[in-house]
Amino acid sequence: MNRRSIAITSDNVTAAYWRYALPTVMAMLVSGLYQIVDGIFIGHVVGAEGLAAINMAWPWIGLMAGVGLMIGAGAGTHCSIAQGEGHFQRAKGFLIQGMWLLVLLGVVVSVLIIAGRDSLLALQGANASVQRHSSGYLQIIGWSSPLVMASIAMPILVRNLGAPMLATIMMLVGALTNIVLDYVFIVQLGWGLQGAAIATVTGESLSAVIGLVFLFSRYSSLPLSLALREFCLQPLPCRQILLNGFSSLLMYLYASFAALLHNTALMHYGSTVNVAAYAITGYLMTVYYLLAEGLASGMQPLVSYFHGAGQSALVRKVFFLAMRWVMGTGVVLVLMILIFPYIGTRIFISDEDPALDVAAIDAVRLHLFVLFLDGFLVLAAAYYQAVSDSRRATMITLANMCIQIPFLLILAPWLGVTGILLALPLSTIVLATGVVTLLRRQFSLRVGVNK
C-alpha cells in the first residue's frame, strides 16, 4: 500500500475494502481446503476413527497455526501502520523480524508437538486405534512446523505489501497440490492419516516458498535484500510483533482448548462416534470462521493505515462495512445448517456409517445455531488488533476461552452429550453481549473526539 493507492481508496472506502477483502476471503477459504479435503478423504476411507483422530490432533495443530498467524498478523499490522506513517525502512524491519520469529518459534513448536503428542492424546481418552492414527499424523506435521507456520504467515505479509491476489494464488497452489496428493496417498496408496499429513506439508511448503520469493523480488512494495546487516535479530520489534499478534494466537489456542475440552468430555459421556460428529461440526465451523477471518483480515490493512494516518471516520466506516458482511453471511449459513444439515454432514460420511450420520446432524444443529456471533467476536478482536490495542483484543479472546468452562462443567453432567454441544453457543451469546457494549462505547468515544 503506497501513498498514491491510499489517496485513491480514501475517496471510495467500499471499493478499497473489497480490493483487500475479496482476495483475502478467497485465500482463507482456499486455506480451509487443507483441513476440509483431509476430512472428506479420511471420513470416507478411514471412517469415524479417522475423523476422531484428526480432531484429537487439533489441539497441537491449533497451537502451530496460531503461532504462525500471530507472527503474520503482528508483523503485517506493524508494517501497514509504519507505511501509513511514512516510515518505510521501519516497515521493512518488521518483515525481517517476522521471518526470524518463524524460524525460532517454529523449532520450539516442533519440539513441543513431537515430545507431547502422545500425552495429549491419552489425556483426551483416545483408544489404541485412534491414538495410532493421530500420533503418526502429528509426527509428520510436527517435524514440518516452521514450513507450516510460514505458509500461514506469508500470505498475510504479501497482502500487506500490496499484492492481495498473489496471496490468494499462493494458497490456491498449495491447496490444489494438497487435494491431488490426498487422493494419491490416502485413496490410492492407503497411507491413511500419515498420507494426509504428507500431502498437507507438501502443499503448504509450496505456498511458503512462493511468498518468500516475492518478499525478495522487485514486485514487492518493500523488497528485501540479502544484506546481512539488515537481517540482525532485534528483540524490540520482535516483542512488538508478538504483543500485537498475541490475540491471533489466543484465537487458535481457544479453538485448541475448546477441542481438548469437548473431545475429553465426549469420550467420557459418549463415544468415538460423538467425537467424529463433533469433528464434522468443526469442519463446517471452519468454513465460516475462515470467511469471517478473511473479511476481518481484509479490513486490517485499511484500518491500520487510516488509524496511523489519524482518519478515525474512515476507520469506523471500514469496520461497520466488514461487520455487515460478517454477520449477514453468518445468519445465512446458520439458516442453511438448521434447515438442511445433511448437506454439510454427508460429504464427510460414507454410506456404511449410519450411526455417524445421525450423530452428526444432531451435533451441527445443537452446536452451530449462533455461529454468526462467533464471526462477530472474530471481527471485534481483529479490529482492536488492527488499531494496535492488543489489550482489548487479547481480553476478548481470553474471555472466549474461559467462559466455556463453567458452561461445560454445568451442562455436561446434567445433559450429557447434548449439554456438551450446547456449551459453546450459550457461552458465545453471553460474551457477545459484553463485546457489543465495549464496541459501542469505543465508537461513541471516537465520535466525541472527532467532534
Protein backbone atom coordinates (compact mmCIF):
# COMPACT_ATOMS: atom_id res chain seq x y z
CA MET A 1 0.00 0.00 0.00
CA ASN A 2 1.66 3.23 -1.12
CA ARG A 3 0.60 6.85 -0.76
CA ARG A 4 -0.97 7.03 -4.22
CA SER A 5 -3.19 3.98 -3.67
CA ILE A 6 -4.33 5.29 -0.28
CA ALA A 7 -5.23 8.66 -1.78
CA ILE A 8 -7.50 6.85 -4.20
CA THR A 9 -9.04 4.46 -1.69
CA SER A 10 -9.83 7.23 0.80
CA ASP A 11 -12.43 8.51 -1.67
CA ASN A 12 -14.04 5.11 -2.04
CA VAL A 13 -13.70 3.06 1.11
CA THR A 14 -16.06 0.31 -0.08
CA ALA A 15 -14.04 -0.36 -3.22
CA ALA A 16 -10.82 -0.24 -1.20
CA TYR A 17 -12.18 -2.70 1.33
CA TRP A 18 -13.23 -5.23 -1.30
CA ARG A 19 -9.91 -4.88 -3.07
CA TYR A 20 -8.34 -6.38 0.05
CA ALA A 21 -11.22 -8.43 1.42
CA LEU A 22 -12.12 -10.46 -1.69
CA PRO A 23 -8.64 -11.91 -2.27
CA THR A 24 -8.24 -12.44 1.46
CA VAL A 25 -11.56 -14.28 1.76
CA MET A 26 -10.62 -16.42 -1.22
CA ALA A 27 -7.23 -17.11 0.35
CA MET A 28 -8.78 -18.05 3.69
CA LEU A 29 -11.36 -20.36 2.12
CA VAL A 30 -8.66 -21.94 -0.01
CA SER A 31 -6.59 -22.50 3.13
CA GLY A 32 -9.59 -24.26 4.65
CA LEU A 33 -9.47 -26.78 1.83
CA TYR A 34 -6.44 -28.33 3.54
CA GLN A 35 -8.49 -29.35 6.55
CA ILE A 36 -11.80 -29.99 4.79
CA VAL A 37 -10.38 -32.14 1.98
CA ASP A 38 -8.39 -34.14 4.51
CA GLY A 39 -11.62 -34.69 6.45
CA ILE A 40 -13.56 -35.79 3.37
CA PHE A 41 -10.96 -38.35 2.31
CA ILE A 42 -10.39 -39.60 5.86
CA GLY A 43 -14.12 -39.81 6.61
CA HIS A 44 -14.80 -41.94 3.53
CA VAL A 45 -11.65 -44.10 3.60
CA VAL A 46 -10.79 -44.47 7.32
CA GLY A 47 -14.21 -43.70 8.87
CA ALA A 48 -15.24 -42.40 12.28
CA GLU A 49 -11.96 -43.37 13.96
CA GLY A 50 -10.01 -41.36 11.39
CA LEU A 51 -12.17 -38.27 11.92
CA ALA A 52 -11.85 -38.63 15.68
CA ALA A 53 -8.07 -39.00 15.32
CA ILE A 54 -7.74 -35.76 13.34
CA ASN A 55 -9.92 -33.93 15.85
CA MET A 56 -7.81 -35.16 18.75
CA ALA A 57 -4.70 -33.92 16.90
CA TRP A 58 -6.27 -30.47 16.54
CA PRO A 59 -5.06 -29.00 19.88
CA TRP A 60 -1.46 -29.28 18.67
CA ILE A 61 -2.32 -28.22 15.10
CA GLY A 62 -4.12 -25.19 16.51
CA LEU A 63 -1.04 -24.19 18.51
CA MET A 64 1.12 -24.35 15.38
CA ALA A 65 -1.38 -22.44 13.23
CA GLY A 66 -1.88 -19.86 15.97
CA VAL A 67 1.83 -19.11 16.28
CA GLY A 68 2.06 -18.70 12.51
CA LEU A 69 -0.94 -16.35 12.47
CA MET A 70 0.42 -14.41 15.46
CA ILE A 71 3.64 -13.70 13.59
CA GLY A 72 1.92 -12.89 10.30
CA ALA A 73 -0.77 -10.67 11.82
CA GLY A 74 1.62 -8.91 14.19
CA ALA A 75 4.27 -8.19 11.55
CA GLY A 76 1.63 -7.29 8.94
CA THR A 77 -0.17 -4.84 11.22
CA HIS A 78 3.01 -3.02 12.28
CA CYS A 79 4.23 -3.00 8.67
CA SER A 80 1.00 -1.31 7.49
CA ILE A 81 0.98 1.22 10.34
CA ALA A 82 4.62 2.12 9.64
CA GLN A 83 3.83 2.60 5.94
CA GLY A 84 0.85 4.81 6.87
CA GLU A 85 3.20 6.93 8.98
CA GLY A 86 5.72 7.11 6.12
CA HIS A 87 8.41 5.05 7.93
CA PHE A 88 9.23 2.60 5.15
CA GLN A 89 12.56 1.34 6.48
CA ARG A 90 10.89 0.57 9.81
CA ALA A 91 8.15 -1.30 7.94
CA LYS A 92 10.79 -3.42 6.20
CA GLY A 93 12.37 -4.19 9.56
CA PHE A 94 9.13 -5.72 10.83
CA LEU A 95 9.11 -8.10 7.85
CA ILE A 96 12.64 -9.27 8.62
CA GLN A 97 11.94 -9.82 12.30
CA GLY A 98 8.80 -11.75 11.36
CA MET A 99 10.96 -14.20 9.40
CA TRP A 100 13.30 -14.59 12.36
CA LEU A 101 10.32 -15.45 14.57
CA LEU A 102 9.03 -18.04 12.09
CA VAL A 103 12.34 -19.89 12.30
CA LEU A 104 12.90 -19.63 16.05
CA LEU A 105 9.36 -20.32 17.22
CA GLY A 106 8.92 -22.96 14.51
CA VAL A 107 11.68 -25.02 16.12
CA VAL A 108 10.12 -24.61 19.58
CA VAL A 109 6.70 -25.73 18.33
CA SER A 110 8.26 -28.73 16.56
CA VAL A 111 9.83 -29.93 19.80
CA LEU A 112 6.58 -29.47 21.73
CA ILE A 113 4.50 -31.44 19.22
CA ILE A 114 6.95 -34.31 18.82
CA ALA A 115 7.53 -34.67 22.56
CA GLY A 116 3.96 -34.12 23.74
CA ARG A 117 1.72 -35.67 21.11
CA ASP A 118 1.05 -39.00 22.82
CA SER A 119 0.45 -37.45 26.24
CA LEU A 120 -2.20 -35.10 24.86
CA LEU A 121 -3.96 -37.93 23.03
CA ALA A 122 -4.04 -40.03 26.20
CA LEU A 123 -5.45 -37.04 28.13
CA GLN A 124 -8.37 -36.87 25.69
CA GLY A 125 -9.18 -40.55 26.21
CA ALA A 126 -8.13 -41.79 22.76
CA ASN A 127 -8.35 -45.55 22.32
CA ALA A 128 -5.42 -47.52 20.87
CA SER A 129 -6.56 -47.28 17.24
CA VAL A 130 -7.33 -43.55 17.36
CA GLN A 131 -4.03 -42.87 19.13
CA ARG A 132 -2.07 -44.77 16.46
CA HIS A 133 -3.69 -42.80 13.64
CA SER A 134 -3.32 -39.43 15.36
CA SER A 135 0.25 -39.92 16.59
CA GLY A 136 1.54 -40.74 13.11
CA TYR A 137 -0.20 -37.68 11.69
CA LEU A 138 1.24 -35.38 14.35
CA GLN A 139 4.76 -36.71 13.98
CA ILE A 140 4.95 -35.65 10.32
CA ILE A 141 3.26 -32.30 10.92
CA GLY A 142 5.48 -31.64 13.94
CA TRP A 143 8.75 -32.05 12.08
CA SER A 144 7.49 -29.59 9.46
CA SER A 145 6.24 -26.89 11.85
CA PRO A 146 8.41 -23.97 10.59
CA LEU A 147 7.23 -24.52 6.99
CA VAL A 148 3.59 -24.91 8.00
CA MET A 149 3.76 -21.74 10.11
CA ALA A 150 5.40 -19.86 7.23
CA SER A 151 2.58 -20.89 4.90
CA ILE A 152 0.14 -19.19 7.29
CA ALA A 153 2.17 -16.02 7.87
CA MET A 154 3.44 -15.39 4.33
CA PRO A 155 0.07 -14.65 2.67
CA ILE A 156 -0.63 -12.01 5.34
CA LEU A 157 2.72 -10.32 4.74
CA VAL A 158 2.30 -10.47 0.95
CA ARG A 159 -1.19 -8.94 1.23
CA ASN A 160 0.12 -6.08 3.38
CA LEU A 161 2.74 -5.35 0.74
CA GLY A 162 0.03 -4.56 -1.81
CA ALA A 163 -0.33 -7.96 -3.52
CA PRO A 164 -3.57 -9.50 -2.17
CA MET A 165 -4.19 -11.50 -5.34
CA LEU A 166 -0.77 -13.15 -5.15
CA ALA A 167 -1.55 -14.13 -1.56
CA THR A 168 -4.63 -15.94 -2.85
CA ILE A 169 -2.69 -17.63 -5.66
CA MET A 170 -0.07 -18.86 -3.20
CA MET A 171 -2.69 -20.57 -1.09
CA LEU A 172 -4.54 -21.90 -4.12
CA VAL A 173 -1.39 -23.59 -5.42
CA GLY A 174 -0.83 -25.19 -2.04
CA ALA A 175 -4.47 -26.31 -1.68
CA LEU A 176 -4.65 -27.88 -5.16
CA THR A 177 -1.38 -29.71 -4.50
CA ASN A 178 -2.84 -30.99 -1.24
CA ILE A 179 -6.03 -32.25 -2.92
CA VAL A 180 -4.16 -34.18 -5.61
CA LEU A 181 -1.72 -35.70 -3.11
CA ASP A 182 -4.55 -36.57 -0.69
CA TYR A 183 -6.14 -38.68 -3.40
CA VAL A 184 -2.84 -40.36 -4.25
CA PHE A 185 -1.64 -41.01 -0.69
CA ILE A 186 -4.96 -41.79 1.07
CA VAL A 187 -7.12 -43.41 -1.60
CA GLN A 188 -4.60 -44.97 -3.98
CA LEU A 189 -1.74 -45.86 -1.62
CA GLY A 190 -3.79 -46.35 1.58
CA TRP A 191 -1.45 -44.33 3.80
CA GLY A 192 -4.32 -43.02 5.95
CA LEU A 193 -3.64 -40.03 8.19
CA GLN A 194 0.10 -40.13 7.53
CA GLY A 195 -0.66 -39.65 3.84
CA ALA A 196 -2.89 -36.71 4.71
CA ALA A 197 -0.05 -35.15 6.72
CA ILE A 198 2.48 -35.55 3.90
CA ALA A 199 0.05 -34.02 1.39
CA THR A 200 -0.65 -31.06 3.68
CA VAL A 201 3.02 -30.35 4.39
CA THR A 202 3.93 -30.52 0.70
CA GLY A 203 1.18 -28.11 -0.34
CA GLU A 204 1.90 -25.63 2.43
CA SER A 205 5.64 -25.69 1.71
CA LEU A 206 4.97 -24.65 -1.90
CA SER A 207 2.84 -21.75 -0.68
CA ALA A 208 5.55 -20.58 1.75
CA VAL A 209 8.29 -20.70 -0.89
CA ILE A 210 6.25 -18.56 -3.32
CA GLY A 211 5.73 -15.94 -0.61
CA LEU A 212 9.40 -15.90 0.34
CA VAL A 213 10.45 -15.35 -3.28
CA PHE A 214 8.02 -12.41 -3.55
CA LEU A 215 9.43 -10.68 -0.46
CA PHE A 216 12.85 -10.51 -2.12
CA SER A 217 11.55 -9.57 -5.57
CA ARG A 218 11.24 -6.12 -7.16
CA TYR A 219 7.45 -6.62 -7.29
CA SER A 220 7.16 -6.13 -3.53
CA SER A 221 6.50 -2.56 -2.34
CA LEU A 222 9.26 -3.12 0.25
CA PRO A 223 11.69 -5.54 -1.44
CA LEU A 224 14.16 -7.16 0.93
CA SER A 225 17.83 -7.53 0.11
CA LEU A 226 20.33 -10.19 1.10
CA ALA A 227 22.49 -7.69 3.02
CA LEU A 228 23.45 -9.33 6.30
CA ARG A 229 23.28 -6.04 8.22
CA GLU A 230 19.51 -5.92 7.60
CA PHE A 231 18.95 -9.41 8.98
CA CYS A 232 20.13 -8.96 12.53
CA LEU A 233 17.74 -10.25 15.18
CA GLN A 234 16.23 -7.29 17.05
CA PRO A 235 14.38 -8.05 20.30
CA LEU A 236 12.26 -4.88 20.45
CA PRO A 237 10.48 -5.27 17.05
CA CYS A 238 10.05 -8.99 17.78
CA ARG A 239 8.38 -8.11 21.06
CA GLN A 240 6.08 -5.62 19.31
CA ILE A 241 5.11 -8.24 16.71
CA LEU A 242 4.34 -10.86 19.34
CA LEU A 243 2.35 -8.48 21.54
CA ASN A 244 0.23 -7.26 18.66
CA GLY A 245 -0.34 -10.72 17.20
CA PHE A 246 -0.91 -12.42 20.54
CA SER A 247 -4.68 -12.20 20.25
CA SER A 248 -4.45 -14.18 16.98
CA LEU A 249 -2.53 -16.89 18.80
CA LEU A 250 -5.16 -16.86 21.52
CA MET A 251 -7.93 -17.34 18.95
CA TYR A 252 -6.31 -20.58 17.85
CA LEU A 253 -5.45 -21.57 21.41
CA TYR A 254 -9.12 -21.01 22.18
CA ALA A 255 -10.06 -23.39 19.35
CA SER A 256 -7.48 -25.91 20.56
CA PHE A 257 -8.64 -25.56 24.14
CA ALA A 258 -12.28 -25.98 23.13
CA ALA A 259 -11.43 -29.08 21.10
CA LEU A 260 -9.48 -30.55 24.02
CA LEU A 261 -12.32 -29.98 26.47
CA HIS A 262 -15.02 -31.21 24.11
CA ASN A 263 -13.09 -34.30 22.99
CA THR A 264 -12.37 -35.30 26.59
CA ALA A 265 -15.98 -34.73 27.68
CA LEU A 266 -17.45 -36.51 24.64
CA MET A 267 -15.27 -39.57 25.23
CA HIS A 268 -16.40 -39.58 28.88
CA TYR A 269 -20.13 -39.10 28.26
CA GLY A 270 -20.30 -40.51 24.74
CA SER A 271 -18.06 -42.44 22.33
CA THR A 272 -15.67 -42.16 19.39
CA VAL A 273 -18.70 -41.62 17.12
CA ASN A 274 -19.63 -38.48 19.09
CA VAL A 275 -16.07 -37.15 18.74
CA ALA A 276 -16.23 -37.83 14.98
CA ALA A 277 -19.57 -35.96 14.79
CA TYR A 278 -18.04 -33.08 16.70
CA ALA A 279 -15.16 -33.11 14.19
CA ILE A 280 -17.68 -32.64 11.37
CA THR A 281 -19.16 -29.61 13.15
CA GLY A 282 -15.60 -28.32 13.35
CA TYR A 283 -15.16 -28.58 9.58
CA LEU A 284 -18.40 -26.68 8.96
CA MET A 285 -17.45 -24.10 11.57
CA THR A 286 -14.07 -23.75 9.86
CA VAL A 287 -15.76 -22.65 6.63
CA TYR A 288 -17.46 -19.73 8.38
CA TYR A 289 -14.53 -18.91 10.65
CA LEU A 290 -12.26 -18.60 7.64
CA LEU A 291 -14.85 -16.49 5.83
CA ALA A 292 -15.13 -14.21 8.87
CA GLU A 293 -11.36 -14.16 9.33
CA GLY A 294 -10.95 -13.24 5.66
CA LEU A 295 -13.45 -10.38 5.91
CA ALA A 296 -11.76 -9.21 9.12
CA SER A 297 -8.25 -9.54 7.68
CA GLY A 298 -9.30 -7.63 4.58
CA MET A 299 -10.32 -4.84 6.95
CA GLN A 300 -6.94 -4.82 8.73
CA PRO A 301 -4.63 -3.05 6.23
CA LEU A 302 -7.10 -0.19 5.74
CA VAL A 303 -7.97 0.18 9.43
CA SER A 304 -4.28 0.07 10.40
CA TYR A 305 -3.35 2.63 7.76
CA PHE A 306 -6.24 5.01 8.50
CA HIS A 307 -5.56 4.66 12.23
CA GLY A 308 -1.89 5.51 11.65
CA ALA A 309 -2.95 8.48 9.50
CA GLY A 310 -5.42 9.72 12.16
CA GLN A 311 -8.53 9.27 9.95
CA SER A 312 -10.99 7.95 12.54
CA ALA A 313 -14.11 8.39 10.40
CA LEU A 314 -12.69 6.05 7.77
CA VAL A 315 -11.71 3.53 10.44
CA ARG A 316 -15.33 3.46 11.61
CA LYS A 317 -16.70 3.15 8.08
CA VAL A 318 -14.45 0.20 7.20
CA PHE A 319 -15.29 -1.61 10.46
CA PHE A 320 -19.06 -1.36 10.04
CA LEU A 321 -18.84 -2.40 6.40
CA ALA A 322 -16.95 -5.54 7.42
CA MET A 323 -19.40 -6.22 10.27
CA ARG A 324 -22.43 -6.17 7.96
CA TRP A 325 -20.89 -8.82 5.77
CA VAL A 326 -19.58 -10.99 8.61
CA MET A 327 -22.93 -11.05 10.39
CA GLY A 328 -25.02 -11.33 7.23
CA THR A 329 -23.17 -14.32 5.81
CA GLY A 330 -23.22 -15.95 9.24
CA VAL A 331 -27.01 -15.69 9.54
CA VAL A 332 -27.47 -17.20 6.06
CA LEU A 333 -25.13 -20.10 6.90
CA VAL A 334 -26.91 -20.80 10.20
CA LEU A 335 -30.30 -20.95 8.46
CA MET A 336 -28.90 -23.45 5.93
CA ILE A 337 -27.46 -25.57 8.74
CA LEU A 338 -30.72 -25.64 10.69
CA ILE A 339 -32.92 -26.41 7.66
CA PHE A 340 -30.63 -28.66 5.59
CA PRO A 341 -27.96 -30.05 7.97
CA TYR A 342 -27.36 -33.20 5.91
CA ILE A 343 -25.98 -31.14 3.00
CA GLY A 344 -22.93 -30.31 5.08
CA THR A 345 -22.54 -33.54 7.05
CA ARG A 346 -22.82 -36.25 4.42
CA ILE A 347 -19.82 -35.15 2.39
CA PHE A 348 -17.70 -36.48 5.28
CA ILE A 349 -19.58 -39.74 5.88
CA SER A 350 -19.63 -42.98 3.91
CA ASP A 351 -22.86 -44.94 3.34
CA GLU A 352 -21.60 -47.66 5.68
CA ASP A 353 -21.71 -45.37 8.74
CA PRO A 354 -25.39 -44.54 9.53
CA ALA A 355 -24.71 -44.03 13.26
CA LEU A 356 -22.27 -41.23 12.49
CA ASP A 357 -24.77 -39.70 10.06
CA VAL A 358 -27.44 -39.37 12.78
CA ALA A 359 -24.97 -38.11 15.40
CA ALA A 360 -23.52 -35.51 13.02
CA ILE A 361 -26.92 -33.99 12.13
CA ASP A 362 -27.80 -33.63 15.82
CA ALA A 363 -24.37 -32.15 16.55
CA VAL A 364 -24.42 -29.41 13.91
CA ARG A 365 -27.91 -28.24 14.91
CA LEU A 366 -27.04 -28.04 18.60
CA HIS A 367 -23.52 -26.68 18.27
CA LEU A 368 -23.76 -24.12 15.47
CA PHE A 369 -27.09 -22.31 15.85
CA VAL A 370 -25.44 -18.97 16.84
CA LEU A 371 -22.39 -19.33 14.62
CA PHE A 372 -22.78 -15.74 13.33
CA LEU A 373 -21.92 -14.45 16.81
CA ASP A 374 -18.59 -16.26 16.66
CA GLY A 375 -17.87 -14.29 13.49
CA PHE A 376 -18.71 -11.08 15.30
CA LEU A 377 -16.19 -11.94 18.05
CA VAL A 378 -13.51 -12.66 15.43
CA LEU A 379 -14.17 -9.27 13.82
CA ALA A 380 -14.09 -7.41 17.14
CA ALA A 381 -10.73 -8.94 18.12
CA ALA A 382 -9.33 -8.20 14.64
CA TYR A 383 -10.42 -4.56 14.90
CA TYR A 384 -8.63 -4.00 18.20
CA GLN A 385 -5.57 -5.77 16.81
CA ALA A 386 -5.62 -3.57 13.69
CA VAL A 387 -5.54 -0.38 15.80
CA SER A 388 -2.73 -1.89 17.92
CA ASP A 389 -4.95 -2.22 21.02
CA SER A 390 -3.62 -5.66 21.88
CA ARG A 391 -5.01 -5.50 25.43
CA ARG A 392 -8.66 -5.47 24.34
CA ALA A 393 -8.03 -7.95 21.51
CA THR A 394 -6.44 -10.33 23.99
CA MET A 395 -9.21 -9.76 26.53
CA ILE A 396 -11.91 -10.79 24.05
CA THR A 397 -10.11 -13.98 23.08
CA LEU A 398 -9.24 -14.95 26.67
CA ALA A 399 -12.84 -14.39 27.71
CA ASN A 400 -13.97 -16.62 24.84
CA MET A 401 -11.76 -19.39 26.21
CA CYS A 402 -12.60 -19.03 29.88
CA ILE A 403 -16.36 -18.56 29.63
CA GLN A 404 -16.87 -22.02 28.12
CA ILE A 405 -15.51 -23.84 31.17
CA PRO A 406 -18.40 -23.16 33.59
CA PHE A 407 -20.94 -23.96 30.88
CA LEU A 408 -19.27 -27.32 30.19
CA LEU A 409 -18.94 -28.13 33.90
CA ILE A 410 -22.65 -27.44 34.47
CA LEU A 411 -24.23 -28.76 31.27
CA ALA A 412 -22.17 -31.92 30.68
CA PRO A 413 -23.18 -33.76 33.90
CA TRP A 414 -26.76 -32.52 33.52
CA LEU A 415 -27.45 -33.17 29.82
CA GLY A 416 -24.57 -35.41 28.74
CA VAL A 417 -23.59 -35.16 25.06
CA THR A 418 -26.37 -32.62 24.39
CA GLY A 419 -25.07 -30.34 27.14
CA ILE A 420 -21.51 -30.56 25.81
CA LEU A 421 -22.65 -29.44 22.37
CA LEU A 422 -24.73 -26.57 23.79
CA ALA A 423 -21.91 -25.15 25.93
CA LEU A 424 -20.25 -23.21 23.09
CA PRO A 425 -23.32 -21.44 21.64
CA LEU A 426 -24.71 -20.47 25.06
CA SER A 427 -21.38 -19.07 26.26
CA THR A 428 -20.97 -17.20 22.96
CA ILE A 429 -24.30 -15.41 23.47
CA VAL A 430 -23.18 -14.18 26.89
CA LEU A 431 -19.77 -12.99 25.68
CA ALA A 432 -21.08 -11.30 22.52
CA THR A 433 -23.45 -9.20 24.65
CA GLY A 434 -20.48 -7.82 26.59
CA VAL A 435 -18.39 -7.15 23.46
CA VAL A 436 -21.27 -5.19 21.86
CA THR A 437 -21.26 -2.89 24.89
CA LEU A 438 -17.47 -2.47 24.65
CA LEU A 439 -17.57 -1.57 20.95
CA ARG A 440 -20.49 0.86 21.35
CA ARG A 441 -18.50 2.72 23.99
CA GLN A 442 -15.38 2.64 21.81
CA PHE A 443 -17.04 4.19 18.78
CA SER A 444 -19.06 6.71 20.77
CA LEU A 445 -15.78 7.91 22.29
CA ARG A 446 -14.25 8.18 18.82
CA VAL A 447 -17.20 10.27 17.62
CA GLY A 448 -16.84 12.53 20.65
CA VAL A 449 -13.14 13.03 19.93
CA ASN A 450 -13.85 13.84 16.28
CA LYS A 451 -16.41 16.43 17.29
